[in-house]
Amino acid sequence: MSANDAVVLAMPVSDLNAEMQNKAIVDALYKGLSNGEIETVARFIASDLEWWFHGPPKCQHMMRMLTGESSQTKFRFEPRNIEAIGDCVIIEGWEGAQVYWVHVWTLKDGVITHLREYFNTWLTVTDISPHGWKIRHENHTLWESHPRDLFNRSLPGLVLGI
C-alpha cells in the first residue's frame, strides 16, 4: 500500500465520493479539450476562474485554450497521472524530455474555480493545516511530481500548500 492509499483509507466515504466526482469532471475537461468540445469545457469552468501560472510565458498553453486564443492542435495536453486530494485534482503530464507540466484544479460544488499551472517545475503539495487540526498525512507531503522522462534534468522546485 502506498502513502496515498493510506490517505484515502483515512478519509470519510463522502470525501472519497467527492474526490472521485472531481476527478471525473477534470478528466472530462481534458477529453473535451482534446475533442474540441468547447461547450463541454465551458460547462465545467466557473466564469470567474482564478488562474495562477508558473513557467515561461510562451508556455501558457492551457490559458490560451480556455480563452479560445489557441486550439488543442497547437499544444496537446495528455494527462499521465490524475490524483485527487480534497477539493483539488492534480494532473501531471510530459512530452519527451523537453516539456513537463502539472495542473492543480480546485473544484467547488462540481465547478472548477481555480487553476494553478506549473510548466517545467518540480511540484510538492504539502498539508499546511494549523496545529491541532487532524493531519491527513504523517509527513505533511500529500503529492510530489513524478516526471519519469525527466530524471536527468534539473527542474526548479515549488511547494504548494493546501
N, C-alpha and C. Protein backbone atom coordinates (compact mmCIF):
# COMPACT_ATOMS: atom_id res chain seq x y z
N MET A 1 0.85 -1.18 0.00
CA MET A 1 0.00 0.00 0.00
C MET A 1 0.89 1.24 0.00
N SER A 2 0.57 2.20 -0.88
CA SER A 2 1.37 3.43 -0.97
C SER A 2 0.91 4.43 0.07
N ALA A 3 1.68 5.52 0.22
CA ALA A 3 1.33 6.60 1.15
C ALA A 3 0.01 7.23 0.75
N ASN A 4 -0.24 7.39 -0.55
CA ASN A 4 -1.50 7.97 -1.00
C ASN A 4 -2.68 7.08 -0.65
N ASP A 5 -2.49 5.75 -0.71
CA ASP A 5 -3.55 4.83 -0.32
C ASP A 5 -3.90 5.02 1.15
N ALA A 6 -2.92 5.25 2.00
CA ALA A 6 -3.17 5.46 3.42
C ALA A 6 -3.99 6.72 3.64
N VAL A 7 -3.74 7.75 2.86
CA VAL A 7 -4.52 8.98 2.97
C VAL A 7 -5.97 8.71 2.60
N VAL A 8 -6.18 7.99 1.51
CA VAL A 8 -7.54 7.70 1.05
C VAL A 8 -8.28 6.84 2.06
N LEU A 9 -7.64 5.85 2.63
CA LEU A 9 -8.31 4.97 3.57
C LEU A 9 -8.76 5.70 4.84
N ALA A 10 -8.10 6.78 5.21
CA ALA A 10 -8.43 7.50 6.42
C ALA A 10 -9.54 8.53 6.21
N MET A 11 -10.00 8.72 4.97
CA MET A 11 -10.99 9.75 4.68
C MET A 11 -12.40 9.19 4.79
N PRO A 12 -13.37 10.02 5.19
CA PRO A 12 -14.76 9.59 5.21
C PRO A 12 -15.24 9.24 3.81
N VAL A 13 -16.23 8.35 3.70
CA VAL A 13 -16.76 7.90 2.41
C VAL A 13 -17.26 9.08 1.58
N SER A 14 -17.92 10.06 2.19
CA SER A 14 -18.44 11.21 1.43
C SER A 14 -17.30 11.99 0.77
N ASP A 15 -16.14 12.09 1.44
CA ASP A 15 -14.98 12.76 0.85
C ASP A 15 -14.45 11.98 -0.34
N LEU A 16 -14.45 10.64 -0.22
CA LEU A 16 -13.99 9.81 -1.32
C LEU A 16 -14.89 9.99 -2.54
N ASN A 17 -16.22 10.03 -2.34
CA ASN A 17 -17.15 10.22 -3.44
C ASN A 17 -16.93 11.58 -4.11
N ALA A 18 -16.71 12.63 -3.32
CA ALA A 18 -16.47 13.96 -3.87
C ALA A 18 -15.16 13.97 -4.67
N GLU A 19 -14.13 13.32 -4.16
CA GLU A 19 -12.87 13.25 -4.88
C GLU A 19 -13.02 12.50 -6.20
N MET A 20 -13.76 11.39 -6.20
CA MET A 20 -13.99 10.63 -7.43
C MET A 20 -14.77 11.49 -8.44
N GLN A 21 -15.76 12.23 -7.96
CA GLN A 21 -16.54 13.10 -8.84
C GLN A 21 -15.65 14.21 -9.41
N ASN A 22 -14.81 14.81 -8.57
CA ASN A 22 -13.91 15.86 -9.04
C ASN A 22 -12.94 15.33 -10.10
N LYS A 23 -12.39 14.13 -9.87
CA LYS A 23 -11.50 13.52 -10.85
C LYS A 23 -12.22 13.30 -12.17
N ALA A 24 -13.45 12.83 -12.10
CA ALA A 24 -14.22 12.57 -13.32
C ALA A 24 -14.49 13.87 -14.09
N ILE A 25 -14.78 14.95 -13.38
CA ILE A 25 -15.03 16.24 -14.03
C ILE A 25 -13.78 16.74 -14.74
N VAL A 26 -12.64 16.69 -14.07
CA VAL A 26 -11.40 17.18 -14.67
C VAL A 26 -10.98 16.27 -15.83
N ASP A 27 -11.17 14.98 -15.70
CA ASP A 27 -10.88 14.06 -16.79
C ASP A 27 -11.75 14.39 -18.00
N ALA A 28 -13.03 14.66 -17.77
CA ALA A 28 -13.95 15.03 -18.86
C ALA A 28 -13.52 16.36 -19.49
N LEU A 29 -12.98 17.27 -18.69
CA LEU A 29 -12.49 18.54 -19.22
C LEU A 29 -11.38 18.30 -20.24
N TYR A 30 -10.40 17.46 -19.89
CA TYR A 30 -9.30 17.17 -20.81
C TYR A 30 -9.80 16.46 -22.07
N LYS A 31 -10.73 15.56 -21.91
CA LYS A 31 -11.29 14.88 -23.09
C LYS A 31 -12.03 15.87 -23.97
N GLY A 32 -12.78 16.79 -23.36
CA GLY A 32 -13.47 17.83 -24.12
C GLY A 32 -12.48 18.72 -24.86
N LEU A 33 -11.38 19.08 -24.20
CA LEU A 33 -10.35 19.89 -24.86
C LEU A 33 -9.75 19.16 -26.05
N SER A 34 -9.43 17.88 -25.86
CA SER A 34 -8.78 17.13 -26.95
C SER A 34 -9.72 16.90 -28.12
N ASN A 35 -11.03 16.91 -27.87
CA ASN A 35 -12.02 16.71 -28.95
C ASN A 35 -12.57 18.03 -29.49
N GLY A 36 -12.08 19.15 -28.97
CA GLY A 36 -12.56 20.45 -29.44
C GLY A 36 -13.98 20.77 -29.02
N GLU A 37 -14.46 20.17 -27.93
CA GLU A 37 -15.83 20.37 -27.45
C GLU A 37 -15.87 21.56 -26.49
N ILE A 38 -15.90 22.76 -27.03
CA ILE A 38 -15.84 23.98 -26.24
C ILE A 38 -17.01 24.09 -25.26
N GLU A 39 -18.21 23.69 -25.68
CA GLU A 39 -19.38 23.76 -24.80
C GLU A 39 -19.21 22.86 -23.58
N THR A 40 -18.66 21.68 -23.79
CA THR A 40 -18.42 20.75 -22.68
C THR A 40 -17.42 21.36 -21.70
N VAL A 41 -16.34 21.91 -22.22
CA VAL A 41 -15.30 22.52 -21.39
C VAL A 41 -15.88 23.68 -20.59
N ALA A 42 -16.65 24.55 -21.25
CA ALA A 42 -17.22 25.73 -20.60
C ALA A 42 -18.17 25.35 -19.47
N ARG A 43 -18.83 24.22 -19.58
CA ARG A 43 -19.78 23.77 -18.56
C ARG A 43 -19.09 23.46 -17.23
N PHE A 44 -17.82 23.09 -17.27
CA PHE A 44 -17.10 22.69 -16.06
C PHE A 44 -16.39 23.84 -15.35
N ILE A 45 -16.25 24.99 -16.02
CA ILE A 45 -15.40 26.07 -15.51
C ILE A 45 -16.22 27.27 -15.07
N ALA A 46 -15.91 27.79 -13.89
CA ALA A 46 -16.58 29.00 -13.39
C ALA A 46 -16.24 30.17 -14.31
N SER A 47 -17.19 31.09 -14.47
CA SER A 47 -16.96 32.24 -15.34
C SER A 47 -15.86 33.15 -14.80
N ASP A 48 -15.61 33.08 -13.50
CA ASP A 48 -14.56 33.91 -12.90
C ASP A 48 -13.38 33.04 -12.43
N LEU A 49 -12.97 32.09 -13.28
CA LEU A 49 -11.87 31.19 -12.97
C LEU A 49 -10.65 31.98 -12.53
N GLU A 50 -10.08 31.60 -11.39
CA GLU A 50 -8.83 32.20 -10.92
C GLU A 50 -7.70 31.32 -11.42
N TRP A 51 -6.72 31.94 -12.07
CA TRP A 51 -5.63 31.19 -12.69
C TRP A 51 -4.30 31.73 -12.22
N TRP A 52 -3.38 30.83 -11.89
CA TRP A 52 -2.03 31.19 -11.49
C TRP A 52 -1.08 30.33 -12.31
N PHE A 53 -0.05 30.96 -12.89
CA PHE A 53 0.86 30.25 -13.77
C PHE A 53 2.30 30.43 -13.30
N HIS A 54 3.07 29.33 -13.33
CA HIS A 54 4.50 29.40 -13.06
C HIS A 54 5.22 28.71 -14.21
N GLY A 55 6.01 29.49 -14.93
CA GLY A 55 6.77 28.95 -16.04
C GLY A 55 7.02 30.03 -17.07
N PRO A 56 7.64 29.65 -18.18
CA PRO A 56 7.90 30.63 -19.24
C PRO A 56 6.58 31.11 -19.86
N PRO A 57 6.42 32.42 -20.08
CA PRO A 57 5.17 32.95 -20.65
C PRO A 57 4.75 32.27 -21.95
N LYS A 58 5.72 31.85 -22.76
CA LYS A 58 5.38 31.20 -24.03
C LYS A 58 4.68 29.84 -23.81
N CYS A 59 4.69 29.33 -22.57
CA CYS A 59 4.11 28.02 -22.28
C CYS A 59 2.72 28.11 -21.63
N GLN A 60 2.05 29.22 -21.76
CA GLN A 60 0.71 29.38 -21.17
C GLN A 60 -0.36 28.77 -22.09
N HIS A 61 -0.13 27.53 -22.49
CA HIS A 61 -0.99 26.85 -23.46
C HIS A 61 -2.41 26.64 -22.94
N MET A 62 -2.56 26.23 -21.69
CA MET A 62 -3.90 25.94 -21.17
C MET A 62 -4.75 27.20 -21.15
N MET A 63 -4.21 28.32 -20.70
CA MET A 63 -4.99 29.55 -20.66
C MET A 63 -5.38 29.98 -22.06
N ARG A 64 -4.49 29.81 -23.02
CA ARG A 64 -4.83 30.15 -24.40
C ARG A 64 -5.97 29.28 -24.92
N MET A 65 -5.97 28.01 -24.52
CA MET A 65 -7.05 27.12 -24.96
C MET A 65 -8.36 27.49 -24.27
N LEU A 66 -8.30 27.78 -22.96
CA LEU A 66 -9.53 28.09 -22.23
C LEU A 66 -10.14 29.42 -22.67
N THR A 67 -9.34 30.35 -23.16
CA THR A 67 -9.85 31.64 -23.62
C THR A 67 -10.20 31.62 -25.10
N GLY A 68 -9.89 30.52 -25.79
CA GLY A 68 -10.19 30.42 -27.21
C GLY A 68 -9.12 31.03 -28.10
N GLU A 69 -8.04 31.51 -27.51
CA GLU A 69 -6.95 32.12 -28.28
C GLU A 69 -6.18 31.08 -29.09
N SER A 70 -6.20 29.82 -28.62
CA SER A 70 -5.45 28.75 -29.26
C SER A 70 -6.29 27.48 -29.22
N SER A 71 -5.97 26.54 -30.06
CA SER A 71 -6.68 25.26 -30.07
C SER A 71 -5.79 24.15 -29.55
N GLN A 72 -6.36 22.99 -29.34
CA GLN A 72 -5.63 21.83 -28.84
C GLN A 72 -4.58 21.37 -29.85
N THR A 73 -4.70 21.80 -31.11
CA THR A 73 -3.74 21.35 -32.11
C THR A 73 -2.37 22.01 -31.94
N LYS A 74 -2.31 23.19 -31.30
CA LYS A 74 -1.02 23.87 -31.10
C LYS A 74 -0.22 23.22 -29.97
N PHE A 75 -0.88 22.78 -28.92
CA PHE A 75 -0.24 22.04 -27.82
C PHE A 75 -1.25 21.03 -27.32
N ARG A 76 -0.83 19.82 -27.14
CA ARG A 76 -1.74 18.76 -26.74
C ARG A 76 -1.43 18.33 -25.31
N PHE A 77 -2.41 18.55 -24.40
CA PHE A 77 -2.24 18.10 -23.02
C PHE A 77 -2.73 16.66 -22.93
N GLU A 78 -1.81 15.76 -22.61
CA GLU A 78 -2.16 14.35 -22.42
C GLU A 78 -1.81 13.98 -20.98
N PRO A 79 -2.81 13.94 -20.11
CA PRO A 79 -2.55 13.60 -18.70
C PRO A 79 -1.92 12.22 -18.57
N ARG A 80 -0.87 12.14 -17.75
CA ARG A 80 -0.21 10.86 -17.48
C ARG A 80 -0.57 10.35 -16.10
N ASN A 81 -0.97 11.26 -15.21
CA ASN A 81 -1.29 10.90 -13.84
C ASN A 81 -2.38 11.85 -13.34
N ILE A 82 -3.42 11.30 -12.71
CA ILE A 82 -4.50 12.11 -12.14
C ILE A 82 -4.66 11.71 -10.68
N GLU A 83 -4.61 12.69 -9.78
CA GLU A 83 -4.71 12.43 -8.35
C GLU A 83 -5.66 13.45 -7.74
N ALA A 84 -6.59 13.01 -6.92
CA ALA A 84 -7.50 13.91 -6.21
C ALA A 84 -7.10 13.97 -4.74
N ILE A 85 -7.05 15.21 -4.21
CA ILE A 85 -6.77 15.43 -2.79
C ILE A 85 -7.76 16.49 -2.33
N GLY A 86 -8.76 16.06 -1.56
CA GLY A 86 -9.78 17.01 -1.11
C GLY A 86 -10.49 17.61 -2.29
N ASP A 87 -10.55 18.94 -2.36
CA ASP A 87 -11.24 19.61 -3.46
C ASP A 87 -10.29 19.94 -4.62
N CYS A 88 -9.06 19.42 -4.57
CA CYS A 88 -8.08 19.64 -5.64
C CYS A 88 -7.88 18.37 -6.46
N VAL A 89 -7.69 18.56 -7.77
CA VAL A 89 -7.33 17.46 -8.66
C VAL A 89 -6.01 17.86 -9.32
N ILE A 90 -5.02 16.98 -9.20
CA ILE A 90 -3.69 17.24 -9.73
C ILE A 90 -3.49 16.38 -10.97
N ILE A 91 -3.14 17.04 -12.06
CA ILE A 91 -2.88 16.37 -13.34
C ILE A 91 -1.41 16.59 -13.68
N GLU A 92 -0.76 15.52 -14.10
CA GLU A 92 0.65 15.59 -14.44
C GLU A 92 0.84 15.04 -15.84
N GLY A 93 1.68 15.71 -16.63
CA GLY A 93 1.95 15.23 -17.98
C GLY A 93 3.31 15.68 -18.47
N TRP A 94 3.80 15.02 -19.50
CA TRP A 94 5.07 15.39 -20.10
C TRP A 94 5.08 14.94 -21.54
N GLU A 95 5.88 15.64 -22.32
CA GLU A 95 6.05 15.32 -23.73
C GLU A 95 7.55 15.22 -23.97
N GLY A 96 8.09 14.03 -23.91
CA GLY A 96 9.52 13.84 -24.07
C GLY A 96 10.29 14.48 -22.93
N ALA A 97 11.54 14.83 -23.20
CA ALA A 97 12.39 15.39 -22.15
C ALA A 97 12.35 16.91 -22.11
N GLN A 98 11.57 17.54 -22.99
CA GLN A 98 11.57 18.99 -23.06
C GLN A 98 10.43 19.65 -22.30
N VAL A 99 9.32 18.98 -22.15
CA VAL A 99 8.14 19.61 -21.56
C VAL A 99 7.59 18.75 -20.42
N TYR A 100 7.44 19.35 -19.26
CA TYR A 100 6.82 18.70 -18.11
C TYR A 100 5.86 19.72 -17.52
N TRP A 101 4.62 19.30 -17.21
CA TRP A 101 3.62 20.23 -16.68
C TRP A 101 2.78 19.57 -15.60
N VAL A 102 2.30 20.41 -14.67
CA VAL A 102 1.38 19.98 -13.62
C VAL A 102 0.27 21.02 -13.56
N HIS A 103 -0.97 20.55 -13.54
CA HIS A 103 -2.13 21.41 -13.33
C HIS A 103 -2.78 21.02 -12.02
N VAL A 104 -3.11 22.00 -11.20
CA VAL A 104 -3.86 21.76 -9.96
C VAL A 104 -5.17 22.51 -10.10
N TRP A 105 -6.25 21.76 -10.26
CA TRP A 105 -7.59 22.30 -10.42
C TRP A 105 -8.29 22.24 -9.07
N THR A 106 -8.96 23.31 -8.67
CA THR A 106 -9.75 23.32 -7.44
C THR A 106 -11.21 23.41 -7.84
N LEU A 107 -12.03 22.54 -7.25
CA LEU A 107 -13.45 22.50 -7.57
C LEU A 107 -14.29 22.82 -6.35
N LYS A 108 -15.42 23.46 -6.61
CA LYS A 108 -16.42 23.73 -5.58
C LYS A 108 -17.78 23.39 -6.17
N ASP A 109 -18.48 22.47 -5.52
CA ASP A 109 -19.80 22.04 -5.98
C ASP A 109 -19.80 21.61 -7.44
N GLY A 110 -18.76 20.89 -7.85
CA GLY A 110 -18.69 20.35 -9.20
C GLY A 110 -18.26 21.34 -10.27
N VAL A 111 -17.82 22.52 -9.88
CA VAL A 111 -17.38 23.54 -10.84
C VAL A 111 -15.92 23.89 -10.54
N ILE A 112 -15.12 24.02 -11.59
CA ILE A 112 -13.71 24.38 -11.43
C ILE A 112 -13.64 25.87 -11.16
N THR A 113 -13.02 26.24 -10.02
CA THR A 113 -12.93 27.64 -9.62
C THR A 113 -11.51 28.19 -9.69
N HIS A 114 -10.50 27.31 -9.62
CA HIS A 114 -9.09 27.74 -9.63
C HIS A 114 -8.27 26.79 -10.49
N LEU A 115 -7.27 27.35 -11.16
CA LEU A 115 -6.28 26.56 -11.86
C LEU A 115 -4.91 27.10 -11.51
N ARG A 116 -4.05 26.21 -11.02
CA ARG A 116 -2.64 26.54 -10.82
C ARG A 116 -1.87 25.70 -11.83
N GLU A 117 -1.11 26.37 -12.68
CA GLU A 117 -0.41 25.68 -13.76
C GLU A 117 1.10 25.85 -13.57
N TYR A 118 1.83 24.73 -13.64
CA TYR A 118 3.27 24.73 -13.45
C TYR A 118 3.91 24.09 -14.68
N PHE A 119 4.82 24.82 -15.32
CA PHE A 119 5.49 24.31 -16.50
C PHE A 119 6.97 24.14 -16.21
N ASN A 120 7.49 22.93 -16.48
CA ASN A 120 8.90 22.60 -16.23
C ASN A 120 9.32 22.97 -14.82
N THR A 121 8.49 22.57 -13.87
CA THR A 121 8.71 22.84 -12.45
C THR A 121 8.39 21.58 -11.65
N TRP A 122 9.25 21.23 -10.71
CA TRP A 122 9.00 20.11 -9.80
C TRP A 122 8.08 20.63 -8.70
N LEU A 123 6.96 19.96 -8.46
CA LEU A 123 5.97 20.44 -7.50
C LEU A 123 5.80 19.46 -6.36
N THR A 124 5.75 19.99 -5.15
CA THR A 124 5.41 19.21 -3.96
C THR A 124 4.18 19.85 -3.34
N VAL A 125 3.14 19.06 -3.12
CA VAL A 125 1.91 19.55 -2.48
C VAL A 125 1.97 19.12 -1.02
N THR A 126 1.82 20.11 -0.13
CA THR A 126 2.00 19.88 1.30
C THR A 126 0.77 20.29 2.08
N ASP A 127 0.45 19.52 3.09
CA ASP A 127 -0.65 19.82 4.01
C ASP A 127 -0.14 20.85 5.02
N ILE A 128 -0.74 22.03 5.05
CA ILE A 128 -0.30 23.07 5.98
C ILE A 128 -1.39 23.37 7.01
N SER A 129 -2.12 22.34 7.41
CA SER A 129 -3.16 22.52 8.41
C SER A 129 -2.58 23.10 9.69
N PRO A 130 -3.29 24.02 10.33
CA PRO A 130 -2.81 24.57 11.60
C PRO A 130 -2.64 23.49 12.67
N HIS A 131 -1.78 23.77 13.64
CA HIS A 131 -1.58 22.83 14.74
C HIS A 131 -2.92 22.53 15.40
N GLY A 132 -3.13 21.31 15.78
CA GLY A 132 -4.37 20.91 16.43
C GLY A 132 -5.39 20.34 15.46
N TRP A 133 -5.22 20.59 14.15
CA TRP A 133 -6.12 20.02 13.15
C TRP A 133 -5.68 18.60 12.85
N LYS A 134 -6.61 17.80 12.42
CA LYS A 134 -6.27 16.43 12.04
C LYS A 134 -5.40 16.47 10.79
N ILE A 135 -4.20 15.94 10.87
CA ILE A 135 -3.27 15.92 9.75
C ILE A 135 -3.59 14.71 8.89
N ARG A 136 -3.70 14.95 7.60
CA ARG A 136 -4.07 13.89 6.68
C ARG A 136 -2.92 12.96 6.31
N HIS A 137 -1.69 13.38 6.56
CA HIS A 137 -0.55 12.56 6.18
C HIS A 137 0.58 12.83 7.17
N GLU A 138 1.24 11.79 7.59
CA GLU A 138 2.22 11.90 8.68
C GLU A 138 3.32 12.94 8.43
N ASN A 139 3.88 12.99 7.21
CA ASN A 139 4.98 13.93 6.95
C ASN A 139 4.51 15.20 6.25
N HIS A 140 3.23 15.42 6.13
CA HIS A 140 2.61 16.59 5.53
C HIS A 140 2.70 16.64 4.01
N THR A 141 3.47 15.77 3.35
CA THR A 141 3.55 15.75 1.91
C THR A 141 2.38 14.93 1.37
N LEU A 142 1.53 15.58 0.55
CA LEU A 142 0.36 14.91 0.01
C LEU A 142 0.60 14.38 -1.40
N TRP A 143 1.48 15.06 -2.15
CA TRP A 143 1.75 14.67 -3.53
C TRP A 143 3.08 15.27 -3.95
N GLU A 144 3.77 14.57 -4.85
CA GLU A 144 5.03 15.07 -5.36
C GLU A 144 5.15 14.71 -6.84
N SER A 145 5.78 15.58 -7.62
CA SER A 145 5.96 15.34 -9.05
C SER A 145 6.65 14.00 -9.31
N HIS A 146 6.30 13.40 -10.44
CA HIS A 146 6.91 12.13 -10.84
C HIS A 146 7.26 12.18 -12.33
N PRO A 147 8.09 13.11 -12.78
CA PRO A 147 8.38 13.23 -14.21
C PRO A 147 9.32 12.12 -14.68
N ARG A 148 8.75 10.99 -15.04
CA ARG A 148 9.54 9.81 -15.38
C ARG A 148 10.55 10.06 -16.50
N ASP A 149 10.20 10.89 -17.48
CA ASP A 149 11.09 11.13 -18.61
C ASP A 149 12.14 12.19 -18.30
N LEU A 150 12.09 12.80 -17.11
CA LEU A 150 12.94 13.96 -16.87
C LEU A 150 13.89 13.80 -15.69
N PHE A 151 14.20 12.60 -15.27
CA PHE A 151 15.04 12.42 -14.10
C PHE A 151 16.46 12.95 -14.29
N ASN A 152 16.91 13.05 -15.52
CA ASN A 152 18.26 13.55 -15.76
C ASN A 152 18.30 15.06 -15.92
N ARG A 153 17.16 15.72 -15.78
CA ARG A 153 17.11 17.19 -15.88
C ARG A 153 16.95 17.79 -14.51
N SER A 154 17.39 19.02 -14.39
CA SER A 154 17.20 19.76 -13.16
C SER A 154 15.99 20.67 -13.34
N LEU A 155 14.99 20.53 -12.47
CA LEU A 155 13.80 21.37 -12.52
C LEU A 155 13.72 22.21 -11.25
N PRO A 156 13.32 23.48 -11.37
CA PRO A 156 13.13 24.27 -10.15
C PRO A 156 11.99 23.66 -9.34
N GLY A 157 12.08 23.71 -8.03
CA GLY A 157 11.07 23.12 -7.18
C GLY A 157 10.21 24.18 -6.51
N LEU A 158 8.92 23.87 -6.38
CA LEU A 158 7.98 24.72 -5.66
C LEU A 158 7.17 23.87 -4.71
N VAL A 159 6.71 24.48 -3.63
CA VAL A 159 5.83 23.81 -2.69
C VAL A 159 4.48 24.51 -2.74
N LEU A 160 3.42 23.72 -2.93
CA LEU A 160 2.05 24.23 -2.91
C LEU A 160 1.42 23.76 -1.62
N GLY A 161 1.04 24.70 -0.77
CA GLY A 161 0.39 24.35 0.48
C GLY A 161 -1.11 24.36 0.34
N ILE A 162 -1.75 23.26 0.75
CA ILE A 162 -3.22 23.20 0.75
C ILE A 162 -3.72 22.74 2.10
